[in-house]
């Protein structure tokens, strides 16, 4: 029985891998825009997995997570653009951006060690807004971030003489820049998932879980809660920095408007929708909230024009309406998320039975 299960599991993993490899070619048949949407969806998976460490593993509510995304993006842009005249390779800048984001994570975590719940949420929200305002105003007296105008002409990724900013032929197949980004992002995503799985099943992961369940009890059994909580902020911020660096390289332009509060709320919603603490559930939540709005964008307008000969409701309004309804229904019928962690599912079942 076990050998048959292993065989089926191997076949399933192989089919999923082949589907992921063929996905950009299938999406490009519908338009290059869909490949770009897939790339942004993977970036949101990065961000969701990073926030899941803070919120899902350690139970620390963070509403300013987009700040680390912005830090990583600006570090990459400043070191790979004509702004400072530096044009470092991406494999050098990406670790630097992740390290700087981790430092900012520690800076956020240090003054919030004694805060929980709503108070922690308010402080992290303020931190995210402070970072965005700094990015928006650090153009005088020394022009560091170019203010609200943002940074343009960011260098495309180059690997072995291959530029990700142009189309090339490989084995007779035309591979565009967005498709190259897709495969690089997919490779990085596999690495991020492996790191998350290792963290979850490690002593650190169990310490985060203990803090999430009861911080006083965790401290009583000898867990250094200060160090462990700072590590959660730093690790979560690291993934945000990596995502920000890749965002800069893909877009070629960034500005403070890309790192507003609504982005933090959206990332948190992805974690909650998928199932806090469950890596695979978080991935599902991120993909759903990344692709469904774009599907609405491309279908709502033609449908309204076909039925009414004019557009009555903006796609953004319908998206937010459906988004709000989905969250209300989730909190009512699936409070633990679409694919919750087993322990959280049991907790909600016990609470429901007690009522």
Protein backbone atom coordinates (compact mmCIF):
# COMPACT_ATOMS: atom_id res chain seq x y z
CA UNK A 1 0.00 0.00 0.00
CA UNK A 2 2.77 2.44 0.92
CA UNK A 3 4.73 1.72 -2.27
CA UNK A 4 1.59 2.32 -4.36
CA UNK A 5 0.99 5.59 -2.50
CA UNK A 6 4.60 6.67 -3.09
CA UNK A 7 4.26 5.82 -6.79
CA UNK A 8 1.08 7.87 -7.11
CA UNK A 9 2.69 10.74 -5.22
CA UNK A 10 5.68 10.66 -7.58
CA UNK A 11 3.39 10.71 -10.62
CA UNK A 12 1.41 13.61 -9.16
CA UNK A 13 4.53 15.67 -8.44
CA UNK A 14 5.85 14.99 -11.95
CA UNK A 15 2.59 16.12 -13.57
CA UNK A 16 2.50 19.30 -11.47
CA UNK A 17 6.13 20.06 -12.40
CA UNK A 18 5.42 19.59 -16.11
CA UNK A 19 2.32 21.79 -15.86
CA UNK A 20 4.31 24.56 -14.16
CA UNK A 21 7.02 24.37 -16.82
CA UNK A 22 4.47 24.58 -19.64
CA UNK A 23 2.29 27.23 -17.98
CA UNK A 24 4.00 30.37 -19.39
CA UNK A 25 3.69 29.06 -22.96
CA UNK A 26 -0.03 28.41 -22.42
CA UNK A 27 -0.53 31.83 -20.85
CA UNK A 28 1.43 33.59 -23.60
CA UNK A 29 -1.08 32.22 -26.12
CA UNK A 30 -3.68 34.43 -24.41
CA UNK A 31 -1.28 37.39 -24.21
CA UNK A 32 2.00 38.37 -22.58
CA UNK A 33 0.02 40.22 -19.92
CA UNK A 34 -1.04 36.90 -18.40
CA UNK A 35 2.57 35.81 -18.00
CA UNK A 36 3.24 39.08 -16.16
CA UNK A 37 0.18 38.41 -13.97
CA UNK A 38 1.59 34.97 -13.14
CA UNK A 39 4.90 36.59 -12.17
CA UNK A 40 3.14 39.03 -9.84
CA UNK A 41 1.16 36.14 -8.37
CA UNK A 42 4.42 34.36 -7.51
CA UNK A 43 5.70 37.56 -5.90
CA UNK A 44 2.57 37.65 -3.75
CA UNK A 45 3.23 34.03 -2.78
CA UNK A 46 6.71 35.14 -1.62
CA UNK A 47 5.18 37.92 0.44
CA UNK A 48 2.43 35.70 1.87
CA UNK A 49 4.93 33.04 2.94
CA UNK A 50 7.06 35.71 4.61
CA UNK A 51 4.11 37.21 6.46
CA UNK A 52 2.97 33.70 7.39
CA UNK A 53 6.14 33.30 9.46
CA UNK A 54 5.23 36.36 11.51
CA UNK A 55 1.45 35.91 11.67
CA UNK A 56 0.90 32.20 11.13
CA UNK A 57 3.91 30.68 12.90
CA UNK A 58 4.61 33.21 15.66
CA UNK A 59 1.11 34.72 16.00
CA UNK A 60 2.31 38.34 15.70
CA UNK A 61 -0.16 40.53 13.80
CA UNK A 62 1.77 42.67 11.31
CA UNK A 63 0.00 45.33 9.21
CA UNK A 64 3.16 47.00 7.95
CA UNK A 65 4.69 44.09 6.07
CA UNK A 66 4.71 45.97 2.78
CA UNK A 67 7.50 48.16 4.23
CA UNK A 68 9.99 45.29 3.84
CA UNK A 69 8.77 44.78 0.29
CA UNK A 70 9.50 48.45 -0.39
CA UNK A 71 12.92 48.32 1.29
CA UNK A 72 14.01 45.38 -0.86
CA UNK A 73 12.67 47.06 -4.00
CA UNK A 74 14.47 50.34 -3.34
CA UNK A 75 17.75 48.67 -2.42
CA UNK A 76 17.68 46.81 -5.72
CA UNK A 77 16.69 49.94 -7.67
CA UNK A 78 19.41 52.11 -6.11
CA UNK A 79 22.14 49.56 -6.79
CA UNK A 80 21.05 48.63 -10.33
CA UNK A 81 20.13 51.93 -11.99
CA UNK A 82 21.72 55.18 -13.20
CA UNK A 83 20.42 56.94 -10.05
CA UNK A 84 23.73 56.44 -8.22
CA UNK A 85 25.60 55.17 -11.26
CA UNK A 86 25.85 51.67 -9.77
CA UNK A 87 25.03 48.66 -11.90
CA UNK A 88 25.74 45.66 -9.70
CA UNK A 89 24.60 42.17 -10.82
CA UNK A 90 21.34 40.89 -9.41
CA UNK A 91 22.94 37.95 -7.58
CA UNK A 92 24.89 40.50 -5.50
CA UNK A 93 22.03 42.96 -4.95
CA UNK A 94 19.35 40.42 -4.02
CA UNK A 95 21.14 39.16 -0.86
CA UNK A 96 21.97 42.77 0.08
CA UNK A 97 18.28 43.76 -0.24
CA UNK A 98 17.22 40.73 1.81
CA UNK A 99 19.78 41.58 4.52
CA UNK A 100 18.72 45.24 4.70
CA UNK A 101 15.06 44.17 4.92
CA UNK A 102 15.99 41.76 7.74
CA UNK A 103 17.65 44.64 9.62
CA UNK A 104 14.47 46.67 9.22
CA UNK A 105 12.55 43.65 10.54
CA UNK A 106 14.68 43.66 13.69
CA UNK A 107 14.19 47.44 14.00
CA UNK A 108 10.44 46.89 13.89
CA UNK A 109 10.50 43.94 16.25
CA UNK A 110 12.69 45.46 18.96
CA UNK A 111 10.26 48.15 20.24
CA UNK A 112 7.23 45.84 19.88
CA UNK A 113 8.43 42.90 21.96
CA UNK A 114 5.91 43.53 24.74
CA UNK A 115 2.97 44.31 22.45
CA UNK A 116 0.29 41.87 21.34
CA UNK A 117 -2.92 41.93 19.34
CA UNK A 118 -4.42 45.28 18.40
CA UNK A 119 -1.55 47.30 19.87
CA UNK A 120 1.01 45.40 17.80
CA UNK A 121 -1.15 45.83 14.69
CA UNK A 122 -1.32 49.61 15.18
CA UNK A 123 2.44 49.94 15.71
CA UNK A 124 3.31 47.84 12.65
CA UNK A 125 0.77 49.79 10.59
CA UNK A 126 2.51 53.01 11.62
CA UNK A 127 5.91 51.53 10.75
CA UNK A 128 4.73 50.69 7.24
CA UNK A 129 3.41 54.21 6.70
CA UNK A 130 6.62 55.77 8.08
CA UNK A 131 8.73 53.81 5.60
CA UNK A 132 6.47 54.81 2.69
CA UNK A 133 6.56 58.50 3.72
CA UNK A 134 10.35 58.39 4.02
CA UNK A 135 10.62 56.88 0.54
CA UNK A 136 8.33 59.61 -0.73
CA UNK A 137 10.34 62.45 0.84
CA UNK A 138 14.00 61.40 0.75
CA UNK A 139 14.71 63.59 -2.27
CA UNK A 140 15.83 66.69 -0.35
CA UNK A 141 18.35 67.96 0.63
CA UNK A 142 20.11 64.87 -0.74
CA UNK A 143 18.28 62.98 -3.45
CA UNK A 144 18.30 59.38 -2.25
CA UNK A 145 14.97 57.92 -3.43
CA UNK A 146 13.97 60.51 -6.07
CA UNK A 147 10.81 61.16 -4.07
CA UNK A 148 7.38 60.57 -5.62
CA UNK A 149 8.89 60.41 -9.12
CA UNK A 150 10.37 57.04 -8.31
CA UNK A 151 13.38 55.34 -9.85
CA UNK A 152 13.38 54.34 -13.51
CA UNK A 153 15.73 52.55 -15.93
CA UNK A 154 16.42 49.74 -13.49
CA UNK A 155 18.77 47.20 -15.07
CA UNK A 156 17.22 43.93 -16.24
CA UNK A 157 18.57 40.69 -14.81
CA UNK A 158 21.48 39.18 -16.69
CA UNK A 159 22.62 35.59 -16.25
CA UNK A 160 25.53 34.26 -18.27
CA UNK A 161 25.13 36.83 -21.01
CA UNK A 162 21.36 36.25 -21.24
CA UNK A 163 19.28 39.37 -20.63
CA UNK A 164 15.85 38.99 -19.07
CA UNK A 165 14.75 42.20 -20.80
CA UNK A 166 14.54 40.72 -24.29
CA UNK A 167 13.25 37.71 -26.19
CA UNK A 168 15.60 34.83 -27.09
CA UNK A 169 15.35 31.49 -28.82
CA UNK A 170 16.04 28.31 -26.82
CA UNK A 171 15.81 24.96 -28.61
CA UNK A 172 13.68 26.59 -31.27
CA UNK A 173 11.27 28.10 -28.75
CA UNK A 174 10.77 31.85 -28.39
CA UNK A 175 11.17 32.77 -24.72
CA UNK A 176 10.23 36.33 -23.80
CA UNK A 177 11.52 38.37 -20.88
CA UNK A 178 8.42 37.75 -18.71
CA UNK A 179 8.77 34.02 -19.34
CA UNK A 180 12.41 34.10 -18.20
CA UNK A 181 11.33 35.94 -15.06
CA UNK A 182 8.67 33.27 -14.49
CA UNK A 183 11.19 30.43 -14.44
CA UNK A 184 13.58 32.35 -12.19
CA UNK A 185 10.74 33.22 -9.81
CA UNK A 186 9.60 29.59 -9.82
CA UNK A 187 13.11 28.45 -8.88
CA UNK A 188 13.28 30.99 -6.06
CA UNK A 189 9.80 30.00 -4.91
CA UNK A 190 10.85 26.36 -4.57
CA UNK A 191 13.78 27.49 -2.43
CA UNK A 192 11.51 29.67 -0.27
CA UNK A 193 9.05 26.79 0.23
CA UNK A 194 11.86 24.43 1.27
CA UNK A 195 13.17 27.01 3.76
CA UNK A 196 9.66 27.50 5.17
CA UNK A 197 9.13 23.75 5.56
CA UNK A 198 12.47 23.36 7.30
CA UNK A 199 11.71 26.27 9.62
CA UNK A 200 8.25 24.93 10.47
CA UNK A 201 9.61 21.52 11.45
CA UNK A 202 12.64 22.85 13.35
CA UNK A 203 13.12 23.77 16.99
CA UNK A 204 12.66 27.41 16.02
CA UNK A 205 9.35 26.60 14.36
CA UNK A 206 8.13 24.82 17.48
CA UNK A 207 9.25 27.78 19.58
CA UNK A 208 7.22 30.12 17.33
CA UNK A 209 4.21 27.85 17.74
CA UNK A 210 4.62 27.88 21.52
CA UNK A 211 4.72 31.69 21.53
CA UNK A 212 1.64 31.81 19.32
CA UNK A 213 -0.33 29.58 21.65
CA UNK A 214 0.81 31.09 24.97
CA UNK A 215 3.79 33.42 25.28
CA UNK A 216 3.82 33.29 29.10
CA UNK A 217 3.93 29.49 29.09
CA UNK A 218 6.63 29.53 26.39
CA UNK A 219 8.77 31.82 28.55
CA UNK A 220 8.16 29.59 31.55
CA UNK A 221 9.54 26.50 29.79
CA UNK A 222 12.77 28.29 28.90
CA UNK A 223 12.15 29.73 25.42
CA UNK A 224 14.01 33.00 24.83
CA UNK A 225 10.92 34.80 23.52
CA UNK A 226 12.83 38.01 22.75
CA UNK A 227 15.30 36.33 20.44
CA UNK A 228 12.71 34.06 18.84
CA UNK A 229 10.25 36.88 18.10
CA UNK A 230 13.01 39.04 16.60
CA UNK A 231 14.02 36.09 14.46
CA UNK A 232 10.44 35.78 13.21
CA UNK A 233 10.37 39.44 12.18
CA UNK A 234 13.79 39.15 10.53
CA UNK A 235 12.96 35.98 8.58
CA UNK A 236 9.63 37.32 7.41
CA UNK A 237 11.25 40.58 6.34
CA UNK A 238 13.95 38.68 4.43
CA UNK A 239 11.39 37.09 2.12
CA UNK A 240 9.75 40.49 1.67
CA UNK A 241 13.12 41.95 0.65
CA UNK A 242 13.68 39.20 -1.92
CA UNK A 243 10.22 39.79 -3.38
CA UNK A 244 10.87 43.54 -3.52
CA UNK A 245 14.15 43.07 -5.38
CA UNK A 246 12.53 40.81 -7.96
CA UNK A 247 9.67 43.30 -8.33
CA UNK A 248 12.16 46.06 -9.18
CA UNK A 249 13.95 43.97 -11.76
CA UNK A 250 10.70 42.88 -13.42
CA UNK A 251 9.03 46.30 -13.50
CA UNK A 252 12.07 48.40 -14.34
CA UNK A 253 10.48 51.26 -12.39
CA UNK A 254 9.31 51.72 -8.80
CA UNK A 255 7.70 54.51 -6.79
CA UNK A 256 6.32 54.83 -3.23
CA UNK A 257 2.78 54.34 -4.59
CA UNK A 258 3.51 50.63 -5.03
CA UNK A 259 3.92 50.14 -1.27
CA UNK A 260 0.75 51.52 0.29
CA UNK A 261 -1.23 50.13 3.24
CA UNK A 262 -3.74 48.33 1.02
CA UNK A 263 -0.94 46.05 -0.18
CA UNK A 264 -0.25 44.96 3.41
CA UNK A 265 -3.96 44.33 3.96
CA UNK A 266 -4.14 42.28 0.76
CA UNK A 267 -1.15 40.14 1.76
CA UNK A 268 -2.65 39.55 5.21
CA UNK A 269 -5.95 38.59 3.58
CA UNK A 270 -4.11 36.01 1.46
CA UNK A 271 -2.65 34.44 4.59
CA UNK A 272 -6.00 34.40 6.40
CA UNK A 273 -7.93 33.13 3.38
CA UNK A 274 -5.55 30.28 2.70
CA UNK A 275 -5.09 29.24 6.33
CA UNK A 276 -2.65 30.83 8.77
CA UNK A 277 0.27 28.59 9.62
CA UNK A 278 -0.23 26.18 6.72
CA UNK A 279 2.32 26.81 3.98
CA UNK A 280 0.27 25.14 1.23
CA UNK A 281 -2.90 26.92 2.30
CA UNK A 282 -1.13 30.29 2.20
CA UNK A 283 0.07 29.54 -1.35
CA UNK A 284 -3.50 28.74 -2.42
CA UNK A 285 -4.82 31.95 -0.83
CA UNK A 286 -2.15 34.06 -2.55
CA UNK A 287 -2.82 32.55 -5.97
CA UNK A 288 -6.59 32.98 -5.63
CA UNK A 289 -6.43 36.64 -4.62
CA UNK A 290 -3.85 37.32 -7.34
CA UNK A 291 -5.58 35.71 -10.30
CA UNK A 292 -9.31 36.20 -9.56
CA UNK A 293 -9.18 40.04 -9.65
CA UNK A 294 -7.41 39.90 -13.02
CA UNK A 295 -10.00 37.48 -14.38
CA UNK A 296 -12.69 39.94 -13.30
CA UNK A 297 -10.81 42.79 -14.93
CA UNK A 298 -10.80 41.00 -18.28
CA UNK A 299 -14.38 39.68 -18.12
CA UNK A 300 -16.53 42.27 -16.31
CA UNK A 301 -16.06 45.07 -18.84
CA UNK A 302 -16.80 43.00 -22.01
CA UNK A 303 -19.78 41.38 -20.26
CA UNK A 304 -21.31 44.72 -19.31
CA UNK A 305 -20.73 46.11 -22.78
CA UNK A 306 -22.38 43.06 -24.33
CA UNK A 307 -25.43 43.23 -22.04
CA UNK A 308 -25.94 46.98 -21.59
CA UNK A 309 -23.82 48.60 -24.35
CA UNK A 310 -22.06 50.56 -21.61
CA UNK A 311 -20.12 49.97 -18.43
CA UNK A 312 -22.31 50.43 -15.35
CA UNK A 313 -19.95 49.32 -12.60
CA UNK A 314 -16.16 49.65 -12.56
CA UNK A 315 -14.24 46.34 -12.30
CA UNK A 316 -12.46 47.64 -9.18
CA UNK A 317 -15.81 48.18 -7.42
CA UNK A 318 -16.97 44.65 -8.26
CA UNK A 319 -13.61 43.24 -7.19
CA UNK A 320 -13.78 44.88 -3.77
CA UNK A 321 -17.43 43.86 -3.36
CA UNK A 322 -16.66 40.21 -4.10
CA UNK A 323 -13.53 40.40 -1.99
CA UNK A 324 -15.49 41.67 1.01
CA UNK A 325 -18.23 39.09 0.55
CA UNK A 326 -15.65 36.30 0.31
CA UNK A 327 -14.02 37.36 3.58
CA UNK A 328 -17.41 37.57 5.36
CA UNK A 329 -18.38 34.10 4.12
CA UNK A 330 -14.96 32.74 5.09
CA UNK A 331 -15.24 34.07 8.62
CA UNK A 332 -18.72 32.56 8.88
CA UNK A 333 -18.19 29.10 7.38
CA UNK A 334 -14.40 28.54 7.24
CA UNK A 335 -12.83 30.72 9.96
CA UNK A 336 -9.62 28.69 9.89
CA UNK A 337 -9.14 29.26 6.14
CA UNK A 338 -9.52 27.22 2.98
CA UNK A 339 -6.65 24.87 3.85
CA UNK A 340 -6.01 25.34 7.56
CA UNK A 341 -3.34 23.85 9.73
CA UNK A 342 -4.62 20.73 11.49
CA UNK A 343 -4.11 22.19 14.97
CA UNK A 344 -6.01 25.39 14.12
CA UNK A 345 -8.85 23.40 12.59
CA UNK A 346 -9.18 21.38 15.78
CA UNK A 347 -9.15 24.57 17.88
CA UNK A 348 -12.02 26.07 15.89
CA UNK A 349 -13.93 22.76 16.07
CA UNK A 350 -13.53 22.65 19.86
CA UNK A 351 -14.64 26.28 20.22
CA UNK A 352 -17.66 25.66 18.03
CA UNK A 353 -18.62 22.54 20.00
CA UNK A 354 -18.25 24.44 23.29
CA UNK A 355 -20.72 27.07 22.08
